[in-house]
PDB file of N, CA and C in Angstrom:
ATOM      1  N   UNK A   1      13.733  -0.734  -0.632  1.00  0.00           N
ATOM      2  CA  UNK A   1      13.092   0.038  -1.519  1.00  0.00           C
ATOM      3  C   UNK A   1      12.611   1.323  -0.776  1.00  0.00           C
ATOM      4  N   UNK A   2      13.394   2.390  -0.836  1.00  0.00           N
ATOM      5  CA  UNK A   2      13.206   3.734  -0.037  1.00  0.00           C
ATOM      6  C   UNK A   2      12.700   4.709  -0.874  1.00  0.00           C
ATOM      7  N   UNK A   3      12.069   5.727  -0.244  1.00  0.00           N
ATOM      8  CA  UNK A   3      11.599   6.715  -0.971  1.00  0.00           C
ATOM      9  C   UNK A   3      11.736   8.030  -0.035  1.00  0.00           C
ATOM     10  N   UNK A   4      11.216   9.216  -0.668  1.00  0.00           N
ATOM     11  CA  UNK A   4      11.391  10.424   0.046  1.00  0.00           C
ATOM     12  C   UNK A   4      10.569  10.410   1.373  1.00  0.00           C
ATOM     13  N   UNK A   5       9.478   9.691   1.354  1.00  0.00           N
ATOM     14  CA  UNK A   5       8.678   9.611   2.503  1.00  0.00           C
ATOM     15  C   UNK A   5       9.078   8.457   3.614  1.00  0.00           C
ATOM     16  N   UNK A   6      10.289   7.650   3.398  1.00  0.00           N
ATOM     17  CA  UNK A   6      10.517   6.658   4.131  1.00  0.00           C
ATOM     18  C   UNK A   6      10.856   7.094   5.544  1.00  0.00           C
ATOM     19  N   UNK A   7      11.283   8.243   5.732  1.00  0.00           N
ATOM     20  CA  UNK A   7      11.577   8.680   7.150  1.00  0.00           C
ATOM     21  C   UNK A   7      10.174   9.117   7.866  1.00  0.00           C
ATOM     22  N   UNK A   8       9.300   9.724   7.115  1.00  0.00           N
ATOM     23  CA  UNK A   8       7.917   9.928   7.681  1.00  0.00           C
ATOM     24  C   UNK A   8       7.144   8.786   7.742  1.00  0.00           C
ATOM     25  N   UNK A   9       7.296   7.921   6.745  1.00  0.00           N
ATOM     26  CA  UNK A   9       6.417   6.651   6.712  1.00  0.00           C
ATOM     27  C   UNK A   9       7.379   5.480   6.572  1.00  0.00           C
ATOM     28  N   UNK A  10       7.825   5.033   7.676  1.00  0.00           N
ATOM     29  CA  UNK A  10       8.808   3.944   7.561  1.00  0.00           C
ATOM     30  C   UNK A  10       8.557   2.795   7.065  1.00  0.00           C
ATOM     31  N   UNK A  11       9.443   2.127   6.397  1.00  0.00           N
ATOM     32  CA  UNK A  11       9.118   0.608   5.723  1.00  0.00           C
ATOM     33  C   UNK A  11       9.476  -0.352   6.856  1.00  0.00           C
ATOM     34  N   UNK A  12       8.872  -1.308   6.879  1.00  0.00           N
ATOM     35  CA  UNK A  12       9.173  -2.479   7.701  1.00  0.00           C
ATOM     36  C   UNK A  12      10.600  -3.094   7.376  1.00  0.00           C
ATOM     37  N   UNK A  13      11.218  -3.867   8.107  1.00  0.00           N
ATOM     38  CA  UNK A  13      12.404  -4.354   7.838  1.00  0.00           C
ATOM     39  C   UNK A  13      12.491  -5.223   6.617  1.00  0.00           C
ATOM     40  N   UNK A  14      11.335  -6.039   6.519  1.00  0.00           N
ATOM     41  CA  UNK A  14      11.256  -6.896   5.402  1.00  0.00           C
ATOM     42  C   UNK A  14      10.659  -6.183   4.113  1.00  0.00           C
ATOM     43  N   UNK A  15      10.345  -4.963   4.044  1.00  0.00           N
ATOM     44  CA  UNK A  15       9.985  -4.275   2.949  1.00  0.00           C
ATOM     45  C   UNK A  15       8.701  -4.545   2.397  1.00  0.00           C
ATOM     46  N   UNK A  16       7.759  -5.177   3.302  1.00  0.00           N
ATOM     47  CA  UNK A  16       6.388  -5.511   2.844  1.00  0.00           C
ATOM     48  C   UNK A  16       5.481  -4.371   3.090  1.00  0.00           C
ATOM     49  N   UNK A  17       5.692  -3.658   4.048  1.00  0.00           N
ATOM     50  CA  UNK A  17       4.679  -2.549   4.588  1.00  0.00           C
ATOM     51  C   UNK A  17       5.356  -1.181   4.742  1.00  0.00           C
ATOM     52  N   UNK A  18       4.770  -0.210   4.707  1.00  0.00           N
ATOM     53  CA  UNK A  18       5.043   1.041   5.293  1.00  0.00           C
ATOM     54  C   UNK A  18       4.021   1.398   6.386  1.00  0.00           C
ATOM     55  N   UNK A  19       4.345   2.339   7.267  1.00  0.00           N
ATOM     56  CA  UNK A  19       3.501   2.601   8.383  1.00  0.00           C
ATOM     57  C   UNK A  19       3.021   3.999   8.303  1.00  0.00           C
ATOM     58  N   UNK A  20       1.684   4.368   8.419  1.00  0.00           N
ATOM     59  CA  UNK A  20       1.157   5.608   8.534  1.00  0.00           C
ATOM     60  C   UNK A  20       0.179   5.695   9.605  1.00  0.00           C
ATOM     61  N   UNK A  21       0.399   6.605  10.657  1.00  0.00           N
ATOM     62  CA  UNK A  21      -0.454   6.750  11.825  1.00  0.00           C
ATOM     63  C   UNK A  21      -0.499   5.418  12.524  1.00  0.00           C
ATOM     64  N   UNK A  22       0.591   4.616  12.657  1.00  0.00           N
ATOM     65  CA  UNK A  22       0.668   3.467  13.436  1.00  0.00           C
ATOM     66  C   UNK A  22      -0.183   2.298  12.695  1.00  0.00           C
ATOM     67  N   UNK A  23      -0.299   2.341  11.460  1.00  0.00           N
ATOM     68  CA  UNK A  23      -1.084   1.426  10.713  1.00  0.00           C
ATOM     69  C   UNK A  23      -0.137   0.900   9.712  1.00  0.00           C
ATOM     70  N   UNK A  24      -0.067  -0.316   9.377  1.00  0.00           N
ATOM     71  CA  UNK A  24       0.561  -1.134   8.275  1.00  0.00           C
ATOM     72  C   UNK A  24      -0.209  -0.939   7.010  1.00  0.00           C
ATOM     73  N   UNK A  25       0.495  -0.636   5.951  1.00  0.00           N
ATOM     74  CA  UNK A  25      -0.070  -0.604   4.618  1.00  0.00           C
ATOM     75  C   UNK A  25       0.698  -1.350   3.701  1.00  0.00           C
ATOM     76  N   UNK A  26       0.291  -2.296   2.990  1.00  0.00           N
ATOM     77  CA  UNK A  26       1.165  -3.228   2.086  1.00  0.00           C
ATOM     78  C   UNK A  26       1.723  -2.487   0.886  1.00  0.00           C
ATOM     79  N   UNK A  27       2.782  -2.693   0.695  1.00  0.00           N
ATOM     80  CA  UNK A  27       3.607  -2.003  -0.510  1.00  0.00           C
ATOM     81  C   UNK A  27       3.418  -2.818  -1.697  1.00  0.00           C
ATOM     82  N   UNK A  28       3.667  -2.095  -2.799  1.00  0.00           N
ATOM     83  CA  UNK A  28       3.605  -2.795  -4.140  1.00  0.00           C
ATOM     84  C   UNK A  28       4.619  -3.898  -4.144  1.00  0.00           C
ATOM     85  N   UNK A  29       4.347  -4.905  -5.089  1.00  0.00           N
ATOM     86  CA  UNK A  29       5.241  -6.036  -5.365  1.00  0.00           C
ATOM     87  C   UNK A  29       6.430  -5.260  -6.073  1.00  0.00           C
ATOM     88  N   UNK A  30       7.692  -5.616  -5.243  1.00  0.00           N
ATOM     89  CA  UNK A  30       8.846  -5.168  -5.786  1.00  0.00           C
ATOM     90  C   UNK A  30       9.390  -5.855  -6.954  1.00  0.00           C
ATOM     91  N   UNK A  31       8.776  -6.931  -7.401  1.00  0.00           N
ATOM     92  CA  UNK A  31       9.304  -7.744  -8.356  1.00  0.00           C
ATOM     93  C   UNK A  31       8.452  -7.511  -9.792  1.00  0.00           C
ATOM     94  N   UNK A  32       7.571  -6.396  -9.839  1.00  0.00           N
ATOM     95  CA  UNK A  32       6.912  -5.987 -10.983  1.00  0.00           C
ATOM     96  C   UNK A  32       7.901  -5.319 -11.848  1.00  0.00           C
ATOM     97  N   UNK A  33       7.791  -5.688 -13.122  1.00  0.00           N
ATOM     98  CA  UNK A  33       8.543  -4.900 -14.171  1.00  0.00           C
ATOM     99  C   UNK A  33       8.291  -3.344 -14.067  1.00  0.00           C
ATOM    100  N   UNK A  34       9.361  -2.449 -14.302  1.00  0.00           N
ATOM    101  CA  UNK A  34       9.167  -1.183 -14.220  1.00  0.00           C
ATOM    102  C   UNK A  34       7.945  -0.518 -15.046  1.00  0.00           C
ATOM    103  N   UNK A  35       7.991  -1.158 -16.228  1.00  0.00           N
ATOM    104  CA  UNK A  35       6.963  -0.591 -17.285  1.00  0.00           C
ATOM    105  C   UNK A  35       5.609  -1.118 -16.720  1.00  0.00           C
ATOM    106  N   UNK A  36       5.458  -2.242 -16.252  1.00  0.00           N
ATOM    107  CA  UNK A  36       4.158  -2.742 -15.673  1.00  0.00           C
ATOM    108  C   UNK A  36       3.695  -1.875 -14.624  1.00  0.00           C
ATOM    109  N   UNK A  37       4.658  -1.604 -13.653  1.00  0.00           N
ATOM    110  CA  UNK A  37       4.399  -0.902 -12.386  1.00  0.00           C
ATOM    111  C   UNK A  37       3.847   0.550 -12.890  1.00  0.00           C
ATOM    112  N   UNK A  38       4.676   1.185 -13.835  1.00  0.00           N
ATOM    113  CA  UNK A  38       4.238   2.558 -14.295  1.00  0.00           C
ATOM    114  C   UNK A  38       2.767   2.653 -14.896  1.00  0.00           C
ATOM    115  N   UNK A  39       2.452   1.651 -15.722  1.00  0.00           N
ATOM    116  CA  UNK A  39       1.190   1.581 -16.291  1.00  0.00           C
ATOM    117  C   UNK A  39       0.164   1.360 -15.207  1.00  0.00           C
ATOM    118  N   UNK A  40       0.538   0.561 -14.198  1.00  0.00           N
ATOM    119  CA  UNK A  40      -0.610   0.255 -13.098  1.00  0.00           C
ATOM    120  C   UNK A  40      -0.808   1.519 -12.338  1.00  0.00           C
ATOM    121  N   UNK A  41       0.296   2.300 -11.964  1.00  0.00           N
ATOM    122  CA  UNK A  41       0.205   3.491 -11.170  1.00  0.00           C
ATOM    123  C   UNK A  41      -0.549   4.450 -12.072  1.00  0.00           C
ATOM    124  N   UNK A  42      -0.455   4.568 -13.203  1.00  0.00           N
ATOM    125  CA  UNK A  42      -1.139   5.450 -14.115  1.00  0.00           C
ATOM    126  C   UNK A  42      -2.613   5.242 -14.054  1.00  0.00           C
ATOM    127  N   UNK A  43      -2.939   3.865 -14.122  1.00  0.00           N
ATOM    128  CA  UNK A  43      -4.409   3.415 -14.091  1.00  0.00           C
ATOM    129  C   UNK A  43      -5.014   3.813 -12.627  1.00  0.00           C
ATOM    130  N   UNK A  44      -4.173   3.670 -11.700  1.00  0.00           N
ATOM    131  CA  UNK A  44      -4.685   3.848 -10.298  1.00  0.00           C
ATOM    132  C   UNK A  44      -4.849   5.458 -10.128  1.00  0.00           C
ATOM    133  N   UNK A  45      -3.863   6.280 -10.708  1.00  0.00           N
ATOM    134  CA  UNK A  45      -4.178   7.643 -10.451  1.00  0.00           C
ATOM    135  C   UNK A  45      -5.307   8.244 -11.403  1.00  0.00           C
ATOM    136  N   UNK A  46      -5.359   7.661 -12.554  1.00  0.00           N
ATOM    137  CA  UNK A  46      -6.638   7.970 -13.307  1.00  0.00           C
ATOM    138  C   UNK A  46      -8.006   7.590 -12.585  1.00  0.00           C
ATOM    139  N   UNK A  47      -7.979   6.526 -12.102  1.00  0.00           N
ATOM    140  CA  UNK A  47      -9.186   6.057 -11.349  1.00  0.00           C
ATOM    141  C   UNK A  47      -9.338   6.959 -10.090  1.00  0.00           C
ATOM    142  N   UNK A  48      -8.386   7.288  -9.425  1.00  0.00           N
ATOM    143  CA  UNK A  48      -8.543   8.181  -8.335  1.00  0.00           C
ATOM    144  C   UNK A  48      -9.027   9.730  -8.725  1.00  0.00           C
ATOM    145  N   UNK A  49      -8.477  10.097  -9.811  1.00  0.00           N
ATOM    146  CA  UNK A  49      -8.945  11.286 -10.250  1.00  0.00           C
ATOM    147  C   UNK A  49     -10.474  11.254 -10.787  1.00  0.00           C
ATOM    148  N   UNK A  50     -10.877  10.206 -11.256  1.00  0.00           N
ATOM    149  CA  UNK A  50     -12.380  10.028 -11.600  1.00  0.00           C
ATOM    150  C   UNK A  50     -13.249  10.089 -10.274  1.00  0.00           C
ATOM    151  N   UNK A  51     -12.612   9.814  -9.106  1.00  0.00           N
ATOM    152  CA  UNK A  51     -13.448   9.985  -8.034  1.00  0.00           C
ATOM    153  C   UNK A  51     -13.649  11.384  -7.514  1.00  0.00           C
ATOM    154  N   UNK A  52     -12.912  12.357  -8.100  1.00  0.00           N
ATOM    155  CA  UNK A  52     -13.004  13.798  -7.507  1.00  0.00           C
ATOM    156  C   UNK A  52     -14.294  14.328  -7.849  1.00  0.00           C
ATOM    157  N   UNK A  53     -14.630  15.293  -7.148  1.00  0.00           N
ATOM    158  CA  UNK A  53     -15.962  15.926  -7.423  1.00  0.00           C
ATOM    159  C   UNK A  53     -17.182  15.097  -6.921  1.00  0.00           C
ATOM    160  N   UNK A  54     -18.111  15.154  -7.688  1.00  0.00           N
ATOM    161  CA  UNK A  54     -19.385  14.432  -7.394  1.00  0.00           C
ATOM    162  C   UNK A  54     -19.957  13.585  -8.485  1.00  0.00           C
ATOM    163  N   UNK A  55     -19.286  12.504  -9.029  1.00  0.00           N
ATOM    164  CA  UNK A  55     -19.600  11.885 -10.176  1.00  0.00           C
ATOM    165  C   UNK A  55     -20.900  11.182  -9.759  1.00  0.00           C
ATOM    166  N   UNK A  56     -21.691  10.784 -10.971  1.00  0.00           N
ATOM    167  CA  UNK A  56     -22.846  10.016 -10.542  1.00  0.00           C
ATOM    168  C   UNK A  56     -22.453   8.576 -10.032  1.00  0.00           C
ATOM    169  N   UNK A  57     -23.437   8.029  -9.213  1.00  0.00           N
ATOM    170  CA  UNK A  57     -23.141   6.707  -8.535  1.00  0.00           C
ATOM    171  C   UNK A  57     -22.617   5.707  -9.387  1.00  0.00           C
ATOM    172  N   UNK A  58     -23.028   5.555 -10.543  1.00  0.00           N
ATOM    173  CA  UNK A  58     -22.479   4.282 -11.502  1.00  0.00           C
ATOM    174  C   UNK A  58     -21.024   4.702 -11.764  1.00  0.00           C
ATOM    175  N   UNK A  59     -20.729   6.100 -12.152  1.00  0.00           N
ATOM    176  CA  UNK A  59     -19.437   6.419 -12.541  1.00  0.00           C
ATOM    177  C   UNK A  59     -18.335   6.115 -11.215  1.00  0.00           C
ATOM    178  N   UNK A  60     -18.937   6.542 -10.106  1.00  0.00           N
ATOM    179  CA  UNK A  60     -18.250   6.490  -8.772  1.00  0.00           C
ATOM    180  C   UNK A  60     -17.975   4.906  -8.500  1.00  0.00           C
ATOM    181  N   UNK A  61     -18.975   3.985  -8.712  1.00  0.00           N
ATOM    182  CA  UNK A  61     -18.722   2.645  -8.411  1.00  0.00           C
ATOM    183  C   UNK A  61     -17.689   1.971  -9.419  1.00  0.00           C
ATOM    184  N   UNK A  62     -17.614   2.527 -10.787  1.00  0.00           N
ATOM    185  CA  UNK A  62     -16.638   2.009 -11.696  1.00  0.00           C
ATOM    186  C   UNK A  62     -15.331   2.547 -11.267  1.00  0.00           C
ATOM    187  N   UNK A  63     -15.252   3.781 -10.695  1.00  0.00           N
ATOM    188  CA  UNK A  63     -13.961   4.377 -10.391  1.00  0.00           C
ATOM    189  C   UNK A  63     -13.402   3.655  -9.164  1.00  0.00           C
ATOM    190  N   UNK A  64     -14.239   3.190  -8.203  1.00  0.00           N
ATOM    191  CA  UNK A  64     -13.897   2.466  -7.162  1.00  0.00           C
ATOM    192  C   UNK A  64     -13.251   1.148  -7.476  1.00  0.00           C
ATOM    193  N   UNK A  65     -14.109   0.503  -8.392  1.00  0.00           N
ATOM    194  CA  UNK A  65     -13.688  -0.806  -9.022  1.00  0.00           C
ATOM    195  C   UNK A  65     -12.245  -0.809  -9.731  1.00  0.00           C
ATOM    196  N   UNK A  66     -12.001   0.424 -10.289  1.00  0.00           N
ATOM    197  CA  UNK A  66     -10.750   0.453 -11.120  1.00  0.00           C
ATOM    198  C   UNK A  66      -9.630   0.686 -10.177  1.00  0.00           C
ATOM    199  N   UNK A  67      -9.909   1.452  -9.021  1.00  0.00           N
ATOM    200  CA  UNK A  67      -8.931   1.591  -8.005  1.00  0.00           C
ATOM    201  C   UNK A  67      -8.630   0.255  -7.427  1.00  0.00           C
ATOM    202  N   UNK A  68      -9.557  -0.491  -7.032  1.00  0.00           N
ATOM    203  CA  UNK A  68      -9.277  -1.809  -6.474  1.00  0.00           C
ATOM    204  C   UNK A  68      -8.538  -2.672  -7.441  1.00  0.00           C
ATOM    205  N   UNK A  69      -8.938  -2.650  -8.713  1.00  0.00           N
ATOM    206  CA  UNK A  69      -8.216  -3.555  -9.611  1.00  0.00           C
ATOM    207  C   UNK A  69      -6.819  -3.218  -9.794  1.00  0.00           C
ATOM    208  N   UNK A  70      -6.378  -1.852  -9.902  1.00  0.00           N
ATOM    209  CA  UNK A  70      -5.106  -1.398 -10.034  1.00  0.00           C
ATOM    210  C   UNK A  70      -4.268  -1.742  -8.777  1.00  0.00           C
ATOM    211  N   UNK A  71      -4.783  -1.419  -7.610  1.00  0.00           N
ATOM    212  CA  UNK A  71      -4.130  -1.834  -6.354  1.00  0.00           C
ATOM    213  C   UNK A  71      -3.881  -3.242  -6.122  1.00  0.00           C
ATOM    214  N   UNK A  72      -4.759  -4.084  -6.564  1.00  0.00           N
ATOM    215  CA  UNK A  72      -4.590  -5.546  -6.637  1.00  0.00           C
ATOM    216  C   UNK A  72      -3.578  -6.093  -7.504  1.00  0.00           C
ATOM    217  N   UNK A  73      -3.529  -5.516  -8.754  1.00  0.00           N
ATOM    218  CA  UNK A  73      -2.469  -5.860  -9.756  1.00  0.00           C
ATOM    219  C   UNK A  73      -1.131  -5.383  -9.285  1.00  0.00           C
ATOM    220  N   UNK A  74      -1.042  -4.261  -8.483  1.00  0.00           N
ATOM    221  CA  UNK A  74       0.246  -3.774  -8.010  1.00  0.00           C
ATOM    222  C   UNK A  74       0.583  -4.597  -6.777  1.00  0.00           C
ATOM    223  N   UNK A  75      -0.227  -5.452  -6.279  1.00  0.00           N
ATOM    224  CA  UNK A  75       0.141  -6.310  -5.004  1.00  0.00           C
ATOM    225  C   UNK A  75      -0.226  -5.711  -3.747  1.00  0.00           C
ATOM    226  N   UNK A  76      -0.862  -4.484  -3.705  1.00  0.00           N
ATOM    227  CA  UNK A  76      -1.205  -3.864  -2.435  1.00  0.00           C
ATOM    228  C   UNK A  76      -2.487  -4.357  -1.802  1.00  0.00           C
ATOM    229  N   UNK A  77      -3.249  -5.092  -2.546  1.00  0.00           N
ATOM    230  CA  UNK A  77      -4.518  -5.850  -2.120  1.00  0.00           C
ATOM    231  C   UNK A  77      -4.416  -7.130  -2.643  1.00  0.00           C
ATOM    232  N   UNK A  78      -5.370  -8.131  -2.279  1.00  0.00           N
ATOM    233  CA  UNK A  78      -5.595  -9.334  -2.748  1.00  0.00           C
ATOM    234  C   UNK A  78      -4.377 -10.157  -2.061  1.00  0.00           C
ATOM    235  N   UNK A  79      -4.188 -11.213  -2.936  1.00  0.00           N
ATOM    236  CA  UNK A  79      -3.110 -12.225  -2.514  1.00  0.00           C
ATOM    237  C   UNK A  79      -1.713 -11.397  -2.273  1.00  0.00           C
ATOM    238  N   UNK A  80      -0.978 -12.065  -1.264  1.00  0.00           N
ATOM    239  CA  UNK A  80       0.271 -11.487  -0.957  1.00  0.00           C
ATOM    240  C   UNK A  80       1.259 -11.776  -2.040  1.00  0.00           C
ATOM    241  N   UNK A  81       2.285 -10.873  -2.256  1.00  0.00           N
ATOM    242  CA  UNK A  81       3.177 -11.122  -3.335  1.00  0.00           C
ATOM    243  C   UNK A  81       4.331 -11.842  -2.837  1.00  0.00           C
ATOM    244  N   UNK A  82       4.607 -12.145  -1.535  1.00  0.00           N
ATOM    245  CA  UNK A  82       5.692 -12.838  -0.972  1.00  0.00           C
ATOM    246  C   UNK A  82       5.385 -14.264  -0.886  1.00  0.00           C
ATOM    247  N   UNK A  83       6.442 -15.094  -0.930  1.00  0.00           N
ATOM    248  CA  UNK A  83       6.261 -16.629  -1.034  1.00  0.00           C
ATOM    249  C   UNK A  83       6.585 -17.445   0.158  1.00  0.00           C
ATOM    250  N   UNK A  84       6.925 -16.765   1.328  1.00  0.00           N
ATOM    251  CA  UNK A  84       7.265 -17.654   2.450  1.00  0.00           C
ATOM    252  C   UNK A  84       6.139 -18.008   3.539  1.00  0.00           C
ATOM    253  N   UNK A  85       4.876 -17.779   3.039  1.00  0.00           N
ATOM    254  CA  UNK A  85       3.873 -18.235   3.793  1.00  0.00           C
ATOM    255  C   UNK A  85       3.554 -17.364   5.021  1.00  0.00           C
ATOM    256  N   UNK A  86       4.192 -16.241   5.221  1.00  0.00           N
ATOM    257  CA  UNK A  86       3.923 -15.196   6.249  1.00  0.00           C
ATOM    258  C   UNK A  86       2.525 -14.658   6.074  1.00  0.00           C
ATOM    259  N   UNK A  87       1.885 -14.398   7.039  1.00  0.00           N
ATOM    260  CA  UNK A  87       0.479 -13.864   7.047  1.00  0.00           C
ATOM    261  C   UNK A  87       0.564 -12.396   6.581  1.00  0.00           C
ATOM    262  N   UNK A  88      -0.659 -11.873   6.136  1.00  0.00           N
ATOM    263  CA  UNK A  88      -0.814 -10.488   5.804  1.00  0.00           C
ATOM    264  C   UNK A  88      -1.310  -9.663   6.859  1.00  0.00           C
ATOM    265  N   UNK A  89      -0.577  -8.566   7.158  1.00  0.00           N
ATOM    266  CA  UNK A  89      -0.994  -7.596   8.218  1.00  0.00           C
ATOM    267  C   UNK A  89      -1.493  -6.216   7.618  1.00  0.00           C
ATOM    268  N   UNK A  90      -1.809  -6.262   6.349  1.00  0.00           N
ATOM    269  CA  UNK A  90      -2.293  -4.875   5.774  1.00  0.00           C
ATOM    270  C   UNK A  90      -3.414  -4.325   6.578  1.00  0.00           C
ATOM    271  N   UNK A  91      -3.321  -3.001   6.812  1.00  0.00           N
ATOM    272  CA  UNK A  91      -4.205  -2.267   7.540  1.00  0.00           C
ATOM    273  C   UNK A  91      -4.504  -2.537   8.909  1.00  0.00           C
ATOM    274  N   UNK A  92      -3.492  -3.516   9.492  1.00  0.00           N
ATOM    275  CA  UNK A  92      -3.564  -3.667  10.863  1.00  0.00           C
ATOM    276  C   UNK A  92      -2.848  -2.538  11.652  1.00  0.00           C
ATOM    277  N   UNK A  93      -3.072  -2.398  12.960  1.00  0.00           N
ATOM    278  CA  UNK A  93      -2.483  -1.565  13.827  1.00  0.00           C
ATOM    279  C   UNK A  93      -1.141  -2.311  14.183  1.00  0.00           C
ATOM    280  N   UNK A  94      -0.003  -1.520  13.894  1.00  0.00           N
ATOM    281  CA  UNK A  94       1.306  -2.134  13.922  1.00  0.00           C
ATOM    282  C   UNK A  94       1.583  -2.671  15.389  1.00  0.00           C
ATOM    283  N   UNK A  95       0.969  -2.229  16.364  1.00  0.00           N
ATOM    284  CA  UNK A  95       1.170  -2.727  17.812  1.00  0.00           C
ATOM    285  C   UNK A  95       0.549  -4.163  18.065  1.00  0.00           C
ATOM    286  N   UNK A  96      -0.356  -4.547  17.030  1.00  0.00           N
ATOM    287  CA  UNK A  96      -0.954  -5.673  17.200  1.00  0.00           C
ATOM    288  C   UNK A  96      -0.348  -6.901  16.223  1.00  0.00           C
ATOM    289  N   UNK A  97       0.815  -6.633  15.824  1.00  0.00           N
ATOM    290  CA  UNK A  97       1.499  -7.521  14.885  1.00  0.00           C
ATOM    291  C   UNK A  97       2.965  -7.758  15.249  1.00  0.00           C
ATOM    292  N   UNK A  98       3.621  -8.748  14.659  1.00  0.00           N
ATOM    293  CA  UNK A  98       4.980  -8.917  15.034  1.00  0.00           C
ATOM    294  C   UNK A  98       6.035  -7.742  14.811  1.00  0.00           C
ATOM    295  N   UNK A  99       5.431  -6.697  14.247  1.00  0.00           N
ATOM    296  CA  UNK A  99       6.291  -5.530  13.930  1.00  0.00           C
ATOM    297  C   UNK A  99       6.335  -4.607  15.152  1.00  0.00           C
ATOM    298  N   UNK A 100       5.584  -4.894  16.070  1.00  0.00           N
ATOM    299  CA  UNK A 100       5.371  -3.901  17.244  1.00  0.00           C
ATOM    300  C   UNK A 100       6.706  -3.475  17.828  1.00  0.00           C
ATOM    301  N   UNK A 101       7.624  -4.450  18.166  1.00  0.00           N
ATOM    302  CA  UNK A 101       8.869  -4.366  18.778  1.00  0.00           C
ATOM    303  C   UNK A 101       9.861  -3.258  17.894  1.00  0.00           C
ATOM    304  N   UNK A 102       9.876  -3.705  16.650  1.00  0.00           N
ATOM    305  CA  UNK A 102      10.525  -2.882  15.718  1.00  0.00           C
ATOM    306  C   UNK A 102      10.051  -1.508  15.692  1.00  0.00           C
ATOM    307  N   UNK A 103       8.818  -1.295  15.658  1.00  0.00           N
ATOM    308  CA  UNK A 103       8.041   0.135  15.521  1.00  0.00           C
ATOM    309  C   UNK A 103       8.435   0.785  16.653  1.00  0.00           C
ATOM    310  N   UNK A 104       8.377   0.179  17.898  1.00  0.00           N
ATOM    311  CA  UNK A 104       8.645   0.861  19.174  1.00  0.00           C
ATOM    312  C   UNK A 104      10.111   1.384  19.318  1.00  0.00           C
ATOM    313  N   UNK A 105      10.993   0.715  18.468  1.00  0.00           N
ATOM    314  CA  UNK A 105      12.315   1.144  18.596  1.00  0.00           C
ATOM    315  C   UNK A 105      12.549   2.331  17.743  1.00  0.00           C
ATOM    316  N   UNK A 106      11.716   2.730  16.840  1.00  0.00           N
ATOM    317  CA  UNK A 106      11.917   3.931  16.006  1.00  0.00           C
ATOM    318  C   UNK A 106      11.814   5.142  16.842  1.00  0.00           C
ATOM    319  N   UNK A 107      12.454   6.321  16.206  1.00  0.00           N
ATOM    320  CA  UNK A 107      12.340   7.632  16.843  1.00  0.00           C
ATOM    321  C   UNK A 107      10.818   8.102  16.964  1.00  0.00           C
ATOM    322  N   UNK A 108      10.678   8.891  17.961  1.00  0.00           N
ATOM    323  CA  UNK A 108       9.286   9.208  18.215  1.00  0.00           C
ATOM    324  C   UNK A 108       8.480  10.001  17.045  1.00  0.00           C
ATOM    325  N   UNK A 109       9.230  10.602  16.189  1.00  0.00           N
ATOM    326  CA  UNK A 109       8.610  11.405  15.069  1.00  0.00           C
ATOM    327  C   UNK A 109       8.490  10.466  13.765  1.00  0.00           C
ATOM    328  N   UNK A 110       8.269   9.113  13.996  1.00  0.00           N
ATOM    329  CA  UNK A 110       8.132   8.209  12.973  1.00  0.00           C
ATOM    330  C   UNK A 110       7.029   8.210  12.111  1.00  0.00           C
ATOM    331  N   UNK A 111       5.821   8.610  12.540  1.00  0.00           N
ATOM    332  CA  UNK A 111       4.681   8.722  11.807  1.00  0.00           C
ATOM    333  C   UNK A 111       3.819   9.788  12.431  1.00  0.00           C
TER     334      UNK A 111
END
């Protein structure tokens, strides 16, 4: 599942994470139907837009909750979407995970 940023933000070989500033970030569940994914991404972007500016604290709390709900539904947070029992390394520094050797083998301009 490659994208325009995959050179700048490399995907792990198993496709579960991408790396930004040496930190792993869980990718969306690749088995989500395209229509569902599109609707969830729209919800996520709407919630992020609601955080712009200085909304009232209650509005801000609701927007944060909406972001979390969308990211969980996409598979980026909450229970993992893979089924092989592998642990979750979301938000971990790649050097502290089993991906460290792979990451060290990438070109220096990797992230």
